[in-house]
């Protein structure tokens, strides 16, 4: 968790240094980074101090990351062309986040599958040269999720399935932020080219 948080922070700094704030996806990507950092913080706290409260914060924040990734995909795929739809989606997302703490189990699998399907569909349809990074991340995250289902005794008394999941997600953070940077710069250039035509 700590490594993921550190990588997320470093990649946020790199994103902000690379992508101008005028890029259409800039605010949504930066917000995603902060939601992720918050989740990794609470995951680290939970793994060092296992209490009922830290467990709930860990699960709630993990759910928030998945839901924000769905929101990120929604903004990227339809929101830039139809801002009114994004406002409606945002209202439902906030309503859902308000209900989330009262649920006995966070709805991670359905949210994760929605995230996977929506991003993959966009990756396949967009055919952008950097879309492979996004597709690789969402597919590999699903593969890593199998570690949580196929729990096994710790290797060398230290590395259990959950620890390997955490280790496996570190490079995926780098790859996803690399995709976000490439895509944000692509959108900035596309908008610049459109304004030159006008």
C-alpha atoms as a PDB file:
ATOM      1  CA  UNK A   1       0.000   0.000   0.000  1.00  0.00           C
ATOM      2  CA  UNK A   2       2.774   2.407   0.913  1.00  0.00           C
ATOM      3  CA  UNK A   3       4.619   1.690  -2.364  1.00  0.00           C
ATOM      4  CA  UNK A   4       1.436   2.253  -4.360  1.00  0.00           C
ATOM      5  CA  UNK A   5       0.840   5.523  -2.535  1.00  0.00           C
ATOM      6  CA  UNK A   6       4.406   6.652  -3.177  1.00  0.00           C
ATOM      7  CA  UNK A   7       4.203   5.745  -6.870  1.00  0.00           C
ATOM      8  CA  UNK A   8       0.820   7.486  -7.174  1.00  0.00           C
ATOM      9  CA  UNK A   9       2.267  10.627  -5.597  1.00  0.00           C
ATOM     10  CA  UNK A  10       5.347  10.614  -7.844  1.00  0.00           C
ATOM     11  CA  UNK A  11       3.219  10.008 -10.938  1.00  0.00           C
ATOM     12  CA  UNK A  12       0.857  12.831  -9.919  1.00  0.00           C
ATOM     13  CA  UNK A  13       3.868  15.158  -9.727  1.00  0.00           C
ATOM     14  CA  UNK A  14       5.034  13.916 -13.131  1.00  0.00           C
ATOM     15  CA  UNK A  15       1.541  14.335 -14.612  1.00  0.00           C
ATOM     16  CA  UNK A  16       1.304  17.907 -13.332  1.00  0.00           C
ATOM     17  CA  UNK A  17       4.788  18.698 -14.653  1.00  0.00           C
ATOM     18  CA  UNK A  18       4.040  17.193 -18.080  1.00  0.00           C
ATOM     19  CA  UNK A  19       0.411  18.081 -18.795  1.00  0.00           C
ATOM     20  CA  UNK A  20      -0.713  21.726 -18.965  1.00  0.00           C
ATOM     21  CA  UNK A  21      -3.798  22.556 -16.848  1.00  0.00           C
ATOM     22  CA  UNK A  22      -5.576  23.588 -20.063  1.00  0.00           C
ATOM     23  CA  UNK A  23      -5.873  19.943 -21.120  1.00  0.00           C
ATOM     24  CA  UNK A  24      -9.575  18.936 -21.056  1.00  0.00           C
ATOM     25  CA  UNK A  25      -8.954  15.915 -18.796  1.00  0.00           C
ATOM     26  CA  UNK A  26      -6.514  17.655 -16.433  1.00  0.00           C
ATOM     27  CA  UNK A  27      -8.912  18.342 -13.519  1.00  0.00           C
ATOM     28  CA  UNK A  28     -10.480  14.881 -13.694  1.00  0.00           C
ATOM     29  CA  UNK A  29      -7.093  13.125 -13.827  1.00  0.00           C
ATOM     30  CA  UNK A  30      -5.694  15.171 -10.934  1.00  0.00           C
ATOM     31  CA  UNK A  31      -8.840  14.453  -8.892  1.00  0.00           C
ATOM     32  CA  UNK A  32      -8.414  10.732  -9.669  1.00  0.00           C
ATOM     33  CA  UNK A  33      -4.826  10.927  -8.400  1.00  0.00           C
ATOM     34  CA  UNK A  34      -5.945  12.516  -5.109  1.00  0.00           C
ATOM     35  CA  UNK A  35      -8.718   9.932  -4.643  1.00  0.00           C
ATOM     36  CA  UNK A  36      -6.116   7.200  -5.259  1.00  0.00           C
ATOM     37  CA  UNK A  37      -3.626   8.754  -2.840  1.00  0.00           C
ATOM     38  CA  UNK A  38      -6.308   8.905  -0.162  1.00  0.00           C
ATOM     39  CA  UNK A  39      -7.165   5.242  -0.747  1.00  0.00           C
ATOM     40  CA  UNK A  40      -3.537   4.128  -0.553  1.00  0.00           C
ATOM     41  CA  UNK A  41      -3.105   6.149   2.643  1.00  0.00           C
ATOM     42  CA  UNK A  42      -6.043   4.389   4.316  1.00  0.00           C
ATOM     43  CA  UNK A  43      -4.922   1.038   2.954  1.00  0.00           C
ATOM     44  CA  UNK A  44      -1.513   1.609   4.553  1.00  0.00           C
ATOM     45  CA  UNK A  45      -3.163   2.599   7.841  1.00  0.00           C
ATOM     46  CA  UNK A  46      -5.395  -0.491   7.722  1.00  0.00           C
ATOM     47  CA  UNK A  47      -2.456  -2.820   7.064  1.00  0.00           C
ATOM     48  CA  UNK A  48      -0.552  -1.367  10.012  1.00  0.00           C
ATOM     49  CA  UNK A  49      -3.513  -0.992  12.390  1.00  0.00           C
ATOM     50  CA  UNK A  50      -6.336  -3.455  11.720  1.00  0.00           C
ATOM     51  CA  UNK A  51      -9.485  -2.124  13.396  1.00  0.00           C
ATOM     52  CA  UNK A  52     -13.129  -2.060  12.340  1.00  0.00           C
ATOM     53  CA  UNK A  53     -12.812   1.643  11.462  1.00  0.00           C
ATOM     54  CA  UNK A  54      -9.611   1.326   9.412  1.00  0.00           C
ATOM     55  CA  UNK A  55     -11.077  -1.677   7.580  1.00  0.00           C
ATOM     56  CA  UNK A  56     -14.193   0.316   6.633  1.00  0.00           C
ATOM     57  CA  UNK A  57     -12.070   3.293   5.535  1.00  0.00           C
ATOM     58  CA  UNK A  58      -9.878   0.990   3.435  1.00  0.00           C
ATOM     59  CA  UNK A  59     -12.864  -0.614   1.682  1.00  0.00           C
ATOM     60  CA  UNK A  60     -14.760   2.649   1.254  1.00  0.00           C
ATOM     61  CA  UNK A  61     -11.725   4.392  -0.255  1.00  0.00           C
ATOM     62  CA  UNK A  62     -10.973   1.417  -2.531  1.00  0.00           C
ATOM     63  CA  UNK A  63     -14.573   1.610  -3.749  1.00  0.00           C
ATOM     64  CA  UNK A  64     -14.159   5.345  -4.303  1.00  0.00           C
ATOM     65  CA  UNK A  65     -11.110   4.722  -6.531  1.00  0.00           C
ATOM     66  CA  UNK A  66     -12.998   2.227  -8.681  1.00  0.00           C
ATOM     67  CA  UNK A  67     -16.012   4.524  -8.929  1.00  0.00           C
ATOM     68  CA  UNK A  68     -13.790   7.480  -9.775  1.00  0.00           C
ATOM     69  CA  UNK A  69     -12.152   5.384 -12.489  1.00  0.00           C
ATOM     70  CA  UNK A  70     -15.636   4.740 -13.899  1.00  0.00           C
ATOM     71  CA  UNK A  71     -16.262   8.495 -13.685  1.00  0.00           C
ATOM     72  CA  UNK A  72     -12.913   9.170 -15.388  1.00  0.00           C
ATOM     73  CA  UNK A  73     -13.930   6.818 -18.199  1.00  0.00           C
ATOM     74  CA  UNK A  74     -17.345   8.473 -18.455  1.00  0.00           C
ATOM     75  CA  UNK A  75     -15.783  11.933 -18.734  1.00  0.00           C
ATOM     76  CA  UNK A  76     -13.282  10.687 -21.314  1.00  0.00           C
ATOM     77  CA  UNK A  77     -15.757   8.785 -23.458  1.00  0.00           C
ATOM     78  CA  UNK A  78     -18.888  10.951 -23.404  1.00  0.00           C
ATOM     79  CA  UNK A  79     -18.436  13.888 -21.050  1.00  0.00           C
ATOM     80  CA  UNK A  80     -16.124  15.967 -23.188  1.00  0.00           C
ATOM     81  CA  UNK A  81     -18.751  16.060 -25.938  1.00  0.00           C
ATOM     82  CA  UNK A  82     -21.831  16.143 -23.671  1.00  0.00           C
ATOM     83  CA  UNK A  83     -21.134  18.025 -20.409  1.00  0.00           C
ATOM     84  CA  UNK A  84     -24.791  17.819 -19.295  1.00  0.00           C
ATOM     85  CA  UNK A  85     -24.582  14.004 -19.192  1.00  0.00           C
ATOM     86  CA  UNK A  86     -21.504  14.217 -17.002  1.00  0.00           C
ATOM     87  CA  UNK A  87     -23.393  16.406 -14.523  1.00  0.00           C
ATOM     88  CA  UNK A  88     -26.137  13.777 -14.273  1.00  0.00           C
ATOM     89  CA  UNK A  89     -23.567  10.979 -13.892  1.00  0.00           C
ATOM     90  CA  UNK A  90     -21.737  12.986 -11.200  1.00  0.00           C
ATOM     91  CA  UNK A  91     -24.998  13.438  -9.254  1.00  0.00           C
ATOM     92  CA  UNK A  92     -25.671   9.673  -9.300  1.00  0.00           C
ATOM     93  CA  UNK A  93     -22.069   8.961  -8.311  1.00  0.00           C
ATOM     94  CA  UNK A  94     -22.291  11.311  -5.320  1.00  0.00           C
ATOM     95  CA  UNK A  95     -25.614   9.761  -4.324  1.00  0.00           C
ATOM     96  CA  UNK A  96     -24.065   6.290  -4.541  1.00  0.00           C
ATOM     97  CA  UNK A  97     -21.034   7.369  -2.487  1.00  0.00           C
ATOM     98  CA  UNK A  98     -23.450   8.674   0.141  1.00  0.00           C
ATOM     99  CA  UNK A  99     -25.147   5.267   0.356  1.00  0.00           C
ATOM    100  CA  UNK A 100     -21.906   3.257   0.168  1.00  0.00           C
ATOM    101  CA  UNK A 101     -20.948   3.444   3.883  1.00  0.00           C
ATOM    102  CA  UNK A 102     -24.316   1.959   4.894  1.00  0.00           C
ATOM    103  CA  UNK A 103     -23.861  -1.129   2.691  1.00  0.00           C
ATOM    104  CA  UNK A 104     -22.672  -4.301   4.467  1.00  0.00           C
ATOM    105  CA  UNK A 105     -20.199  -5.097   1.666  1.00  0.00           C
ATOM    106  CA  UNK A 106     -18.863  -2.573  -0.851  1.00  0.00           C
ATOM    107  CA  UNK A 107     -19.931  -3.438  -4.420  1.00  0.00           C
ATOM    108  CA  UNK A 108     -16.370  -3.819  -5.708  1.00  0.00           C
ATOM    109  CA  UNK A 109     -16.879  -6.697  -8.189  1.00  0.00           C
ATOM    110  CA  UNK A 110     -19.768  -5.105 -10.157  1.00  0.00           C
ATOM    111  CA  UNK A 111     -18.047  -1.710 -10.153  1.00  0.00           C
ATOM    112  CA  UNK A 112     -14.791  -3.329 -11.257  1.00  0.00           C
ATOM    113  CA  UNK A 113     -16.513  -5.184 -14.099  1.00  0.00           C
ATOM    114  CA  UNK A 114     -18.266  -1.998 -15.248  1.00  0.00           C
ATOM    115  CA  UNK A 115     -14.898  -0.238 -15.173  1.00  0.00           C
ATOM    116  CA  UNK A 116     -13.246  -3.071 -17.129  1.00  0.00           C
ATOM    117  CA  UNK A 117     -15.956  -3.267 -19.786  1.00  0.00           C
ATOM    118  CA  UNK A 118     -16.291   0.471 -20.346  1.00  0.00           C
ATOM    119  CA  UNK A 119     -12.542   1.150 -20.587  1.00  0.00           C
ATOM    120  CA  UNK A 120     -11.946  -1.872 -22.846  1.00  0.00           C
ATOM    121  CA  UNK A 121     -14.747  -0.850 -25.172  1.00  0.00           C
ATOM    122  CA  UNK A 122     -13.259   2.641 -25.431  1.00  0.00           C
ATOM    123  CA  UNK A 123      -9.740   1.258 -25.977  1.00  0.00           C
ATOM    124  CA  UNK A 124     -10.898  -1.003 -28.803  1.00  0.00           C
ATOM    125  CA  UNK A 125     -13.032   1.657 -30.483  1.00  0.00           C
ATOM    126  CA  UNK A 126     -10.658   4.603 -30.130  1.00  0.00           C
ATOM    127  CA  UNK A 127      -7.652   2.887 -31.742  1.00  0.00           C
ATOM    128  CA  UNK A 128      -5.375   5.566 -30.320  1.00  0.00           C
ATOM    129  CA  UNK A 129      -1.693   4.595 -30.145  1.00  0.00           C
ATOM    130  CA  UNK A 130      -1.637   4.932 -26.349  1.00  0.00           C
ATOM    131  CA  UNK A 131      -4.925   3.069 -25.664  1.00  0.00           C
ATOM    132  CA  UNK A 132      -3.044  -0.225 -25.272  1.00  0.00           C
ATOM    133  CA  UNK A 133      -1.694   1.048 -21.942  1.00  0.00           C
ATOM    134  CA  UNK A 134      -5.192   1.483 -20.550  1.00  0.00           C
ATOM    135  CA  UNK A 135      -6.324  -1.906 -21.883  1.00  0.00           C
ATOM    136  CA  UNK A 136      -3.264  -3.600 -20.369  1.00  0.00           C
ATOM    137  CA  UNK A 137      -3.910  -1.993 -16.981  1.00  0.00           C
ATOM    138  CA  UNK A 138      -7.590  -2.934 -16.726  1.00  0.00           C
ATOM    139  CA  UNK A 139      -6.953  -6.504 -17.929  1.00  0.00           C
ATOM    140  CA  UNK A 140      -3.957  -7.025 -15.646  1.00  0.00           C
ATOM    141  CA  UNK A 141      -5.874  -5.607 -12.674  1.00  0.00           C
ATOM    142  CA  UNK A 142      -8.569  -8.223 -13.263  1.00  0.00           C
ATOM    143  CA  UNK A 143      -5.903 -10.928 -13.490  1.00  0.00           C
ATOM    144  CA  UNK A 144      -4.352  -9.697 -10.236  1.00  0.00           C
ATOM    145  CA  UNK A 145      -7.794  -9.743  -8.608  1.00  0.00           C
ATOM    146  CA  UNK A 146      -7.686 -13.529  -9.030  1.00  0.00           C
ATOM    147  CA  UNK A 147      -4.945 -13.551  -6.389  1.00  0.00           C
ATOM    148  CA  UNK A 148      -7.546 -12.357  -3.894  1.00  0.00           C
ATOM    149  CA  UNK A 149      -9.832 -15.253  -4.852  1.00  0.00           C
ATOM    150  CA  UNK A 150      -7.103 -17.894  -5.030  1.00  0.00           C
ATOM    151  CA  UNK A 151      -5.704 -17.224  -1.582  1.00  0.00           C
ATOM    152  CA  UNK A 152      -2.756 -19.456  -0.655  1.00  0.00           C
ATOM    153  CA  UNK A 153      -0.363 -19.876   2.271  1.00  0.00           C
ATOM    154  CA  UNK A 154       2.372 -17.214   2.435  1.00  0.00           C
ATOM    155  CA  UNK A 155       5.520 -17.833   0.418  1.00  0.00           C
ATOM    156  CA  UNK A 156       8.560 -17.614   2.721  1.00  0.00           C
ATOM    157  CA  UNK A 157       6.077 -16.824   5.547  1.00  0.00           C
ATOM    158  CA  UNK A 158       5.728 -13.265   4.189  1.00  0.00           C
ATOM    159  CA  UNK A 159       4.239 -13.029   0.688  1.00  0.00           C
ATOM    160  CA  UNK A 160       0.617 -14.077   0.680  1.00  0.00           C
ATOM    161  CA  UNK A 161      -1.823 -13.528  -2.192  1.00  0.00           C
ATOM    162  CA  UNK A 162      -2.841 -10.090  -0.923  1.00  0.00           C
ATOM    163  CA  UNK A 163       0.783  -8.916  -0.632  1.00  0.00           C
ATOM    164  CA  UNK A 164       1.471 -10.131  -4.183  1.00  0.00           C
ATOM    165  CA  UNK A 165      -1.627  -8.244  -5.369  1.00  0.00           C
ATOM    166  CA  UNK A 166      -0.244  -5.060  -3.823  1.00  0.00           C
ATOM    167  CA  UNK A 167       3.186  -5.623  -5.397  1.00  0.00           C
ATOM    168  CA  UNK A 168       1.625  -6.360  -8.781  1.00  0.00           C
ATOM    169  CA  UNK A 169      -0.368  -3.139  -8.794  1.00  0.00           C
ATOM    170  CA  UNK A 170       2.704  -0.894  -8.352  1.00  0.00           C
ATOM    171  CA  UNK A 171       3.882  -1.056 -12.008  1.00  0.00           C
ATOM    172  CA  UNK A 172       0.263  -0.817 -13.178  1.00  0.00           C
ATOM    173  CA  UNK A 173       0.012   2.560 -11.431  1.00  0.00           C
ATOM    174  CA  UNK A 174       2.963   3.780 -13.491  1.00  0.00           C
ATOM    175  CA  UNK A 175       1.448   2.444 -16.716  1.00  0.00           C
ATOM    176  CA  UNK A 176      -1.984   3.966 -16.035  1.00  0.00           C
ATOM    177  CA  UNK A 177      -0.559   7.401 -15.254  1.00  0.00           C
ATOM    178  CA  UNK A 178       1.543   7.102 -18.407  1.00  0.00           C
ATOM    179  CA  UNK A 179      -1.697   6.481 -20.316  1.00  0.00           C
ATOM    180  CA  UNK A 180      -3.358   9.473 -18.619  1.00  0.00           C
ATOM    181  CA  UNK A 181      -0.430  11.702 -19.584  1.00  0.00           C
ATOM    182  CA  UNK A 182      -0.410  10.502 -23.201  1.00  0.00           C
ATOM    183  CA  UNK A 183      -4.172  10.842 -23.514  1.00  0.00           C
ATOM    184  CA  UNK A 184      -4.286  14.293 -21.904  1.00  0.00           C
ATOM    185  CA  UNK A 185      -1.552  15.540 -24.242  1.00  0.00           C
ATOM    186  CA  UNK A 186      -3.353  13.952 -27.211  1.00  0.00           C
ATOM    187  CA  UNK A 187      -6.595  15.756 -26.279  1.00  0.00           C
ATOM    188  CA  UNK A 188      -4.748  19.027 -25.808  1.00  0.00           C
ATOM    189  CA  UNK A 189      -3.198  18.692 -29.269  1.00  0.00           C
ATOM    190  CA  UNK A 190      -6.536  17.669 -30.821  1.00  0.00           C
ATOM    191  CA  UNK A 191      -8.247  20.717 -29.280  1.00  0.00           C
ATOM    192  CA  UNK A 192      -5.398  22.936 -30.458  1.00  0.00           C
ATOM    193  CA  UNK A 193      -5.704  21.559 -34.000  1.00  0.00           C
ATOM    194  CA  UNK A 194      -9.486  22.169 -33.941  1.00  0.00           C
ATOM    195  CA  UNK A 195      -9.075  25.774 -32.842  1.00  0.00           C
ATOM    196  CA  UNK A 196      -6.541  26.344 -35.644  1.00  0.00           C
ATOM    197  CA  UNK A 197      -9.128  25.112 -38.168  1.00  0.00           C
ATOM    198  CA  UNK A 198     -11.765  27.519 -36.790  1.00  0.00           C
END
